[in-house]
mmCIF file of all heavy atoms, coordinates in Angstrom:
data_MODEL
# 
_entry.id   MODEL 
# 
loop_
_atom_site.group_PDB 
_atom_site.id 
_atom_site.type_symbol 
_atom_site.label_atom_id 
_atom_site.label_alt_id 
_atom_site.label_comp_id 
_atom_site.label_asym_id 
_atom_site.label_entity_id 
_atom_site.label_seq_id 
_atom_site.pdbx_PDB_ins_code 
_atom_site.Cartn_x 
_atom_site.Cartn_y 
_atom_site.Cartn_z 
_atom_site.occupancy 
_atom_site.B_iso_or_equiv 
_atom_site.pdbx_formal_charge 
_atom_site.auth_seq_id 
_atom_site.auth_comp_id 
_atom_site.auth_asym_id 
_atom_site.auth_atom_id 
_atom_site.pdbx_PDB_model_num 
ATOM 1   N N   . GLY A 1 1  ? -47.969 11.473 -15.837 1.00 0.00 ? 1  GLY A N   1 
ATOM 2   C CA  . GLY A 1 1  ? -48.717 12.656 -16.253 1.00 0.00 ? 1  GLY A CA  1 
ATOM 3   C C   . GLY A 1 1  ? -47.881 13.584 -17.114 1.00 0.00 ? 1  GLY A C   1 
ATOM 4   O O   . GLY A 1 1  ? -46.772 13.246 -17.526 1.00 0.00 ? 1  GLY A O   1 
ATOM 5   N N   . GLY A 1 2  ? -48.421 14.741 -17.379 1.00 0.00 ? 2  GLY A N   1 
ATOM 6   C CA  . GLY A 1 2  ? -47.719 15.699 -18.229 1.00 0.00 ? 2  GLY A CA  1 
ATOM 7   C C   . GLY A 1 2  ? -48.120 15.618 -19.684 1.00 0.00 ? 2  GLY A C   1 
ATOM 8   O O   . GLY A 1 2  ? -47.565 16.308 -20.531 1.00 0.00 ? 2  GLY A O   1 
ATOM 9   N N   . GLY A 1 3  ? -49.119 14.768 -19.954 1.00 0.00 ? 3  GLY A N   1 
ATOM 10  C CA  . GLY A 1 3  ? -49.570 14.619 -21.325 1.00 0.00 ? 3  GLY A CA  1 
ATOM 11  C C   . GLY A 1 3  ? -50.302 13.313 -21.498 1.00 0.00 ? 3  GLY A C   1 
ATOM 12  O O   . GLY A 1 3  ? -50.772 12.707 -20.527 1.00 0.00 ? 3  GLY A O   1 
ATOM 13  N N   . THR A 1 4  ? -50.403 12.885 -22.737 1.00 0.00 ? 4  THR A N   1 
ATOM 14  C CA  . THR A 1 4  ? -51.151 11.667 -23.024 1.00 0.00 ? 4  THR A CA  1 
ATOM 15  C C   . THR A 1 4  ? -50.487 10.879 -24.134 1.00 0.00 ? 4  THR A C   1 
ATOM 16  O O   . THR A 1 4  ? -49.894 11.459 -25.052 1.00 0.00 ? 4  THR A O   1 
ATOM 17  C CB  . THR A 1 4  ? -52.611 12.001 -23.415 1.00 0.00 ? 4  THR A CB  1 
ATOM 18  O OG1 . THR A 1 4  ? -53.345 10.800 -23.614 1.00 0.00 ? 4  THR A OG1 1 
ATOM 19  C CG2 . THR A 1 4  ? -52.655 12.829 -24.693 1.00 0.00 ? 4  THR A CG2 1 
ATOM 20  N N   . ILE A 1 5  ? -50.557 9.560  -24.055 1.00 0.00 ? 5  ILE A N   1 
ATOM 21  C CA  . ILE A 1 5  ? -50.076 8.675  -25.106 1.00 0.00 ? 5  ILE A CA  1 
ATOM 22  C C   . ILE A 1 5  ? -51.248 8.326  -26.007 1.00 0.00 ? 5  ILE A C   1 
ATOM 23  O O   . ILE A 1 5  ? -52.336 7.975  -25.528 1.00 0.00 ? 5  ILE A O   1 
ATOM 24  C CB  . ILE A 1 5  ? -49.473 7.382  -24.520 1.00 0.00 ? 5  ILE A CB  1 
ATOM 25  C CG1 . ILE A 1 5  ? -48.233 7.686  -23.674 1.00 0.00 ? 5  ILE A CG1 1 
ATOM 26  C CG2 . ILE A 1 5  ? -49.132 6.395  -25.631 1.00 0.00 ? 5  ILE A CG2 1 
ATOM 27  C CD1 . ILE A 1 5  ? -47.016 8.074  -24.473 1.00 0.00 ? 5  ILE A CD1 1 
ATOM 28  N N   . VAL A 1 6  ? -51.037 8.419  -27.312 1.00 0.00 ? 6  VAL A N   1 
ATOM 29  C CA  . VAL A 1 6  ? -52.070 8.071  -28.288 1.00 0.00 ? 6  VAL A CA  1 
ATOM 30  C C   . VAL A 1 6  ? -51.568 6.909  -29.131 1.00 0.00 ? 6  VAL A C   1 
ATOM 31  O O   . VAL A 1 6  ? -50.363 6.682  -29.250 1.00 0.00 ? 6  VAL A O   1 
ATOM 32  C CB  . VAL A 1 6  ? -52.411 9.277  -29.184 1.00 0.00 ? 6  VAL A CB  1 
ATOM 33  C CG1 . VAL A 1 6  ? -53.082 10.374 -28.378 1.00 0.00 ? 6  VAL A CG1 1 
ATOM 34  C CG2 . VAL A 1 6  ? -51.154 9.819  -29.872 1.00 0.00 ? 6  VAL A CG2 1 
ATOM 35  N N   . PRO A 1 7  ? -52.479 6.153  -29.750 1.00 0.00 ? 7  PRO A N   1 
ATOM 36  C CA  . PRO A 1 7  ? -52.039 5.025  -30.573 1.00 0.00 ? 7  PRO A CA  1 
ATOM 37  C C   . PRO A 1 7  ? -51.200 5.486  -31.758 1.00 0.00 ? 7  PRO A C   1 
ATOM 38  O O   . PRO A 1 7  ? -51.371 6.596  -32.275 1.00 0.00 ? 7  PRO A O   1 
ATOM 39  C CB  . PRO A 1 7  ? -53.355 4.404  -31.047 1.00 0.00 ? 7  PRO A CB  1 
ATOM 40  C CG  . PRO A 1 7  ? -54.389 4.873  -30.076 1.00 0.00 ? 7  PRO A CG  1 
ATOM 41  C CD  . PRO A 1 7  ? -53.946 6.243  -29.651 1.00 0.00 ? 7  PRO A CD  1 
ATOM 42  N N   . ALA A 1 8  ? -50.292 4.620  -32.177 1.00 0.00 ? 8  ALA A N   1 
ATOM 43  C CA  . ALA A 1 8  ? -49.482 4.920  -33.354 1.00 0.00 ? 8  ALA A CA  1 
ATOM 44  C C   . ALA A 1 8  ? -50.357 4.911  -34.610 1.00 0.00 ? 8  ALA A C   1 
ATOM 45  O O   . ALA A 1 8  ? -51.380 4.229  -34.658 1.00 0.00 ? 8  ALA A O   1 
ATOM 46  C CB  . ALA A 1 8  ? -48.363 3.881  -33.484 1.00 0.00 ? 8  ALA A CB  1 
ATOM 47  N N   . GLU A 1 9  ? -49.956 5.691  -35.598 1.00 0.00 ? 9  GLU A N   1 
ATOM 48  C CA  . GLU A 1 9  ? -50.638 5.731  -36.888 1.00 0.00 ? 9  GLU A CA  1 
ATOM 49  C C   . GLU A 1 9  ? -52.125 6.045  -36.754 1.00 0.00 ? 9  GLU A C   1 
ATOM 50  O O   . GLU A 1 9  ? -52.962 5.473  -37.465 1.00 0.00 ? 9  GLU A O   1 
ATOM 51  C CB  . GLU A 1 9  ? -50.460 4.397  -37.624 1.00 0.00 ? 9  GLU A CB  1 
ATOM 52  C CG  . GLU A 1 9  ? -49.029 4.000  -37.889 1.00 0.00 ? 9  GLU A CG  1 
ATOM 53  C CD  . GLU A 1 9  ? -48.322 4.908  -38.902 1.00 0.00 ? 9  GLU A CD  1 
ATOM 54  O OE1 . GLU A 1 9  ? -49.018 5.639  -39.643 1.00 0.00 ? 9  GLU A OE1 1 
ATOM 55  O OE2 . GLU A 1 9  ? -47.080 4.887  -38.925 1.00 0.00 ? 9  GLU A OE2 1 
ATOM 56  N N   . ASP A 1 10 ? -52.470 6.970  -35.871 1.00 0.00 ? 10 ASP A N   1 
ATOM 57  C CA  . ASP A 1 10 ? -53.886 7.245  -35.609 1.00 0.00 ? 10 ASP A CA  1 
ATOM 58  C C   . ASP A 1 10 ? -54.115 8.748  -35.478 1.00 0.00 ? 10 ASP A C   1 
ATOM 59  O O   . ASP A 1 10 ? -54.251 9.275  -34.374 1.00 0.00 ? 10 ASP A O   1 
ATOM 60  C CB  . ASP A 1 10 ? -54.313 6.527  -34.327 1.00 0.00 ? 10 ASP A CB  1 
ATOM 61  C CG  . ASP A 1 10 ? -55.826 6.509  -34.136 1.00 0.00 ? 10 ASP A CG  1 
ATOM 62  O OD1 . ASP A 1 10 ? -56.522 7.299  -34.813 1.00 0.00 ? 10 ASP A OD1 1 
ATOM 63  O OD2 . ASP A 1 10 ? -56.309 5.716  -33.305 1.00 0.00 ? 10 ASP A OD2 1 
ATOM 64  N N   . PRO A 1 11 ? -54.158 9.484  -36.610 1.00 0.00 ? 11 PRO A N   1 
ATOM 65  C CA  . PRO A 1 11 ? -54.351 10.937 -36.536 1.00 0.00 ? 11 PRO A CA  1 
ATOM 66  C C   . PRO A 1 11 ? -55.669 11.332 -35.881 1.00 0.00 ? 11 PRO A C   1 
ATOM 67  O O   . PRO A 1 11 ? -55.770 12.400 -35.276 1.00 0.00 ? 11 PRO A O   1 
ATOM 68  C CB  . PRO A 1 11 ? -54.278 11.377 -38.002 1.00 0.00 ? 11 PRO A CB  1 
ATOM 69  C CG  . PRO A 1 11 ? -54.485 10.145 -38.812 1.00 0.00 ? 11 PRO A CG  1 
ATOM 70  C CD  . PRO A 1 11 ? -53.977 9.017  -37.991 1.00 0.00 ? 11 PRO A CD  1 
ATOM 71  N N   . GLU A 1 12 ? -56.692 10.457 -35.990 1.00 0.00 ? 12 GLU A N   1 
ATOM 72  C CA  . GLU A 1 12 ? -57.966 10.782 -35.357 1.00 0.00 ? 12 GLU A CA  1 
ATOM 73  C C   . GLU A 1 12 ? -57.828 10.844 -33.835 1.00 0.00 ? 12 GLU A C   1 
ATOM 74  O O   . GLU A 1 12 ? -58.381 11.744 -33.191 1.00 0.00 ? 12 GLU A O   1 
ATOM 75  C CB  . GLU A 1 12 ? -59.032 9.738  -35.741 1.00 0.00 ? 12 GLU A CB  1 
ATOM 76  C CG  . GLU A 1 12 ? -59.498 9.806  -37.180 1.00 0.00 ? 12 GLU A CG  1 
ATOM 77  C CD  . GLU A 1 12 ? -58.541 9.141  -38.162 1.00 0.00 ? 12 GLU A CD  1 
ATOM 78  O OE1 . GLU A 1 12 ? -57.588 8.461  -37.693 1.00 0.00 ? 12 GLU A OE1 1 
ATOM 79  O OE2 . GLU A 1 12 ? -58.714 9.293  -39.381 1.00 0.00 ? 12 GLU A OE2 1 
ATOM 80  N N   . SER A 1 13 ? -57.072 9.907  -33.271 1.00 0.00 ? 13 SER A N   1 
ATOM 81  C CA  . SER A 1 13 ? -56.867 9.930  -31.820 1.00 0.00 ? 13 SER A CA  1 
ATOM 82  C C   . SER A 1 13 ? -56.019 11.127 -31.399 1.00 0.00 ? 13 SER A C   1 
ATOM 83  O O   . SER A 1 13 ? -56.252 11.728 -30.344 1.00 0.00 ? 13 SER A O   1 
ATOM 84  C CB  . SER A 1 13 ? -56.197 8.634  -31.362 1.00 0.00 ? 13 SER A CB  1 
ATOM 85  O OG  . SER A 1 13 ? -57.065 7.534  -31.509 1.00 0.00 ? 13 SER A OG  1 
ATOM 86  N N   . ILE A 1 14 ? -55.032 11.475 -32.216 1.00 0.00 ? 14 ILE A N   1 
ATOM 87  C CA  . ILE A 1 14 ? -54.207 12.653 -31.914 1.00 0.00 ? 14 ILE A CA  1 
ATOM 88  C C   . ILE A 1 14 ? -55.081 13.897 -31.941 1.00 0.00 ? 14 ILE A C   1 
ATOM 89  O O   . ILE A 1 14 ? -54.992 14.767 -31.052 1.00 0.00 ? 14 ILE A O   1 
ATOM 90  C CB  . ILE A 1 14 ? -53.046 12.776 -32.919 1.00 0.00 ? 14 ILE A CB  1 
ATOM 91  C CG1 . ILE A 1 14 ? -52.163 11.526 -32.882 1.00 0.00 ? 14 ILE A CG1 1 
ATOM 92  C CG2 . ILE A 1 14 ? -52.209 14.024 -32.617 1.00 0.00 ? 14 ILE A CG2 1 
ATOM 93  C CD1 . ILE A 1 14 ? -51.145 11.457 -34.008 1.00 0.00 ? 14 ILE A CD1 1 
ATOM 94  N N   . ALA A 1 15 ? -55.945 13.996 -32.955 1.00 0.00 ? 15 ALA A N   1 
ATOM 95  C CA  . ALA A 1 15 ? -56.838 15.156 -33.060 1.00 0.00 ? 15 ALA A CA  1 
ATOM 96  C C   . ALA A 1 15 ? -57.772 15.237 -31.861 1.00 0.00 ? 15 ALA A C   1 
ATOM 97  O O   . ALA A 1 15 ? -58.008 16.328 -31.309 1.00 0.00 ? 15 ALA A O   1 
ATOM 98  C CB  . ALA A 1 15 ? -57.650 15.068 -34.355 1.00 0.00 ? 15 ALA A CB  1 
ATOM 99  N N   . ALA A 1 16 ? -58.308 14.100 -31.433 1.00 0.00 ? 16 ALA A N   1 
ATOM 100 C CA  . ALA A 1 16 ? -59.198 14.095 -30.272 1.00 0.00 ? 16 ALA A CA  1 
ATOM 101 C C   . ALA A 1 16 ? -58.465 14.569 -29.026 1.00 0.00 ? 16 ALA A C   1 
ATOM 102 O O   . ALA A 1 16 ? -59.025 15.305 -28.193 1.00 0.00 ? 16 ALA A O   1 
ATOM 103 C CB  . ALA A 1 16 ? -59.771 12.693 -30.066 1.00 0.00 ? 16 ALA A CB  1 
ATOM 104 N N   . ALA A 1 17 ? -57.197 14.168 -28.886 1.00 0.00 ? 17 ALA A N   1 
ATOM 105 C CA  . ALA A 1 17 ? -56.408 14.603 -27.732 1.00 0.00 ? 17 ALA A CA  1 
ATOM 106 C C   . ALA A 1 17 ? -56.149 16.104 -27.791 1.00 0.00 ? 17 ALA A C   1 
ATOM 107 O O   . ALA A 1 17 ? -56.145 16.784 -26.756 1.00 0.00 ? 17 ALA A O   1 
ATOM 108 C CB  . ALA A 1 17 ? -55.094 13.838 -27.682 1.00 0.00 ? 17 ALA A CB  1 
ATOM 109 N N   . ILE A 1 18 ? -55.921 16.631 -28.990 1.00 0.00 ? 18 ILE A N   1 
ATOM 110 C CA  . ILE A 1 18 ? -55.741 18.089 -29.143 1.00 0.00 ? 18 ILE A CA  1 
ATOM 111 C C   . ILE A 1 18 ? -56.991 18.821 -28.667 1.00 0.00 ? 18 ILE A C   1 
ATOM 112 O O   . ILE A 1 18 ? -56.916 19.788 -27.887 1.00 0.00 ? 18 ILE A O   1 
ATOM 113 C CB  . ILE A 1 18 ? -55.441 18.450 -30.605 1.00 0.00 ? 18 ILE A CB  1 
ATOM 114 C CG1 . ILE A 1 18 ? -54.066 17.908 -31.029 1.00 0.00 ? 18 ILE A CG1 1 
ATOM 115 C CG2 . ILE A 1 18 ? -55.498 19.971 -30.802 1.00 0.00 ? 18 ILE A CG2 1 
ATOM 116 C CD1 . ILE A 1 18 ? -53.780 18.068 -32.517 1.00 0.00 ? 18 ILE A CD1 1 
ATOM 117 N N   . VAL A 1 19 ? -58.143 18.377 -29.128 1.00 0.00 ? 19 VAL A N   1 
ATOM 118 C CA  . VAL A 1 19 ? -59.397 19.032 -28.763 1.00 0.00 ? 19 VAL A CA  1 
ATOM 119 C C   . VAL A 1 19 ? -59.606 18.962 -27.250 1.00 0.00 ? 19 VAL A C   1 
ATOM 120 O O   . VAL A 1 19 ? -59.989 19.952 -26.611 1.00 0.00 ? 19 VAL A O   1 
ATOM 121 C CB  . VAL A 1 19 ? -60.582 18.387 -29.514 1.00 0.00 ? 19 VAL A CB  1 
ATOM 122 C CG1 . VAL A 1 19 ? -61.907 18.961 -29.008 1.00 0.00 ? 19 VAL A CG1 1 
ATOM 123 C CG2 . VAL A 1 19 ? -60.449 18.629 -31.013 1.00 0.00 ? 19 VAL A CG2 1 
ATOM 124 N N   . THR A 1 20 ? -59.319 17.808 -26.665 1.00 0.00 ? 20 THR A N   1 
ATOM 125 C CA  . THR A 1 20 ? -59.487 17.665 -25.217 1.00 0.00 ? 20 THR A CA  1 
ATOM 126 C C   . THR A 1 20 ? -58.593 18.631 -24.458 1.00 0.00 ? 20 THR A C   1 
ATOM 127 O O   . THR A 1 20 ? -59.043 19.337 -23.540 1.00 0.00 ? 20 THR A O   1 
ATOM 128 C CB  . THR A 1 20 ? -59.178 16.220 -24.784 1.00 0.00 ? 20 THR A CB  1 
ATOM 129 O OG1 . THR A 1 20 ? -60.130 15.340 -25.384 1.00 0.00 ? 20 THR A OG1 1 
ATOM 130 C CG2 . THR A 1 20 ? -59.258 16.086 -23.267 1.00 0.00 ? 20 THR A CG2 1 
ATOM 131 N N   . LEU A 1 21 ? -57.308 18.683 -24.820 1.00 0.00 ? 21 LEU A N   1 
ATOM 132 C CA  . LEU A 1 21 ? -56.376 19.561 -24.109 1.00 0.00 ? 21 LEU A CA  1 
ATOM 133 C C   . LEU A 1 21 ? -56.753 21.031 -24.260 1.00 0.00 ? 21 LEU A C   1 
ATOM 134 O O   . LEU A 1 21 ? -56.529 21.833 -23.356 1.00 0.00 ? 21 LEU A O   1 
ATOM 135 C CB  . LEU A 1 21 ? -54.953 19.337 -24.622 1.00 0.00 ? 21 LEU A CB  1 
ATOM 136 C CG  . LEU A 1 21 ? -54.148 18.225 -23.967 1.00 0.00 ? 21 LEU A CG  1 
ATOM 137 C CD1 . LEU A 1 21 ? -52.795 18.073 -24.649 1.00 0.00 ? 21 LEU A CD1 1 
ATOM 138 C CD2 . LEU A 1 21 ? -53.937 18.500 -22.488 1.00 0.00 ? 21 LEU A CD2 1 
ATOM 139 N N   . CYS A 1 22 ? -57.284 21.370 -25.406 1.00 0.00 ? 22 CYS A N   1 
ATOM 140 C CA  . CYS A 1 22 ? -57.579 22.786 -25.676 1.00 0.00 ? 22 CYS A CA  1 
ATOM 141 C C   . CYS A 1 22 ? -58.951 23.221 -25.186 1.00 0.00 ? 22 CYS A C   1 
ATOM 142 O O   . CYS A 1 22 ? -59.276 24.421 -25.261 1.00 0.00 ? 22 CYS A O   1 
ATOM 143 C CB  . CYS A 1 22 ? -57.459 23.064 -27.181 1.00 0.00 ? 22 CYS A CB  1 
ATOM 144 S SG  . CYS A 1 22 ? -55.769 22.923 -27.819 1.00 0.00 ? 22 CYS A SG  1 
ATOM 145 N N   . THR A 1 23 ? -59.770 22.294 -24.682 1.00 0.00 ? 23 THR A N   1 
ATOM 146 C CA  . THR A 1 23 ? -61.115 22.664 -24.232 1.00 0.00 ? 23 THR A CA  1 
ATOM 147 C C   . THR A 1 23 ? -61.404 22.213 -22.800 1.00 0.00 ? 23 THR A C   1 
ATOM 148 O O   . THR A 1 23 ? -62.428 22.628 -22.237 1.00 0.00 ? 23 THR A O   1 
ATOM 149 C CB  . THR A 1 23 ? -62.188 22.046 -25.158 1.00 0.00 ? 23 THR A CB  1 
ATOM 150 O OG1 . THR A 1 23 ? -62.061 20.609 -25.168 1.00 0.00 ? 23 THR A OG1 1 
ATOM 151 C CG2 . THR A 1 23 ? -62.041 22.571 -26.580 1.00 0.00 ? 23 THR A CG2 1 
ATOM 152 N N   . GLN A 1 24 ? -60.526 21.400 -22.215 1.00 0.00 ? 24 GLN A N   1 
ATOM 153 C CA  . GLN A 1 24 ? -60.788 20.923 -20.863 1.00 0.00 ? 24 GLN A CA  1 
ATOM 154 C C   . GLN A 1 24 ? -60.721 22.088 -19.877 1.00 0.00 ? 24 GLN A C   1 
ATOM 155 O O   . GLN A 1 24 ? -60.161 23.153 -20.180 1.00 0.00 ? 24 GLN A O   1 
ATOM 156 C CB  . GLN A 1 24 ? -59.783 19.834 -20.467 1.00 0.00 ? 24 GLN A CB  1 
ATOM 157 C CG  . GLN A 1 24 ? -58.357 20.325 -20.379 1.00 0.00 ? 24 GLN A CG  1 
ATOM 158 C CD  . GLN A 1 24 ? -57.356 19.209 -20.145 1.00 0.00 ? 24 GLN A CD  1 
ATOM 159 O OE1 . GLN A 1 24 ? -56.178 19.475 -19.991 1.00 0.00 ? 24 GLN A OE1 1 
ATOM 160 N NE2 . GLN A 1 24 ? -57.781 17.951 -20.109 1.00 0.00 ? 24 GLN A NE2 1 
ATOM 161 N N   . PRO A 1 25 ? -61.287 21.927 -18.679 1.00 0.00 ? 25 PRO A N   1 
ATOM 162 C CA  . PRO A 1 25 ? -61.211 23.000 -17.680 1.00 0.00 ? 25 PRO A CA  1 
ATOM 163 C C   . PRO A 1 25 ? -59.770 23.448 -17.456 1.00 0.00 ? 25 PRO A C   1 
ATOM 164 O O   . PRO A 1 25 ? -58.841 22.641 -17.495 1.00 0.00 ? 25 PRO A O   1 
ATOM 165 C CB  . PRO A 1 25 ? -61.799 22.343 -16.427 1.00 0.00 ? 25 PRO A CB  1 
ATOM 166 C CG  . PRO A 1 25 ? -62.738 21.313 -16.963 1.00 0.00 ? 25 PRO A CG  1 
ATOM 167 C CD  . PRO A 1 25 ? -62.088 20.786 -18.196 1.00 0.00 ? 25 PRO A CD  1 
ATOM 168 N N   . LEU A 1 26 ? -59.596 24.741 -17.217 1.00 0.00 ? 26 LEU A N   1 
ATOM 169 C CA  . LEU A 1 26 ? -58.259 25.309 -17.098 1.00 0.00 ? 26 LEU A CA  1 
ATOM 170 C C   . LEU A 1 26 ? -57.439 24.652 -15.998 1.00 0.00 ? 26 LEU A C   1 
ATOM 171 O O   . LEU A 1 26 ? -56.231 24.477 -16.142 1.00 0.00 ? 26 LEU A O   1 
ATOM 172 C CB  . LEU A 1 26 ? -58.347 26.817 -16.843 1.00 0.00 ? 26 LEU A CB  1 
ATOM 173 C CG  . LEU A 1 26 ? -58.749 27.684 -18.040 1.00 0.00 ? 26 LEU A CG  1 
ATOM 174 C CD1 . LEU A 1 26 ? -58.866 29.143 -17.622 1.00 0.00 ? 26 LEU A CD1 1 
ATOM 175 C CD2 . LEU A 1 26 ? -57.730 27.537 -19.166 1.00 0.00 ? 26 LEU A CD2 1 
ATOM 176 N N   . ASP A 1 27 ? -58.089 24.295 -14.879 1.00 0.00 ? 27 ASP A N   1 
ATOM 177 C CA  . ASP A 1 27 ? -57.322 23.690 -13.794 1.00 0.00 ? 27 ASP A CA  1 
ATOM 178 C C   . ASP A 1 27 ? -56.758 22.327 -14.205 1.00 0.00 ? 27 ASP A C   1 
ATOM 179 O O   . ASP A 1 27 ? -55.667 21.941 -13.779 1.00 0.00 ? 27 ASP A O   1 
ATOM 180 C CB  . ASP A 1 27 ? -58.158 23.585 -12.527 1.00 0.00 ? 27 ASP A CB  1 
ATOM 181 C CG  . ASP A 1 27 ? -59.396 22.701 -12.710 1.00 0.00 ? 27 ASP A CG  1 
ATOM 182 O OD1 . ASP A 1 27 ? -59.896 22.596 -13.849 1.00 0.00 ? 27 ASP A OD1 1 
ATOM 183 O OD2 . ASP A 1 27 ? -59.864 22.124 -11.709 1.00 0.00 ? 27 ASP A OD2 1 
# 
C-alpha cells in the first residue's frame, strides 16, 4: 500500500490514478 503502480509509458493510466486519489473518499 501507500500508493499505486501504473503501467509504464501510459500517461492515461497515470492521469486516471491522479483523479482517483484526488476524488476518492477522504478515509
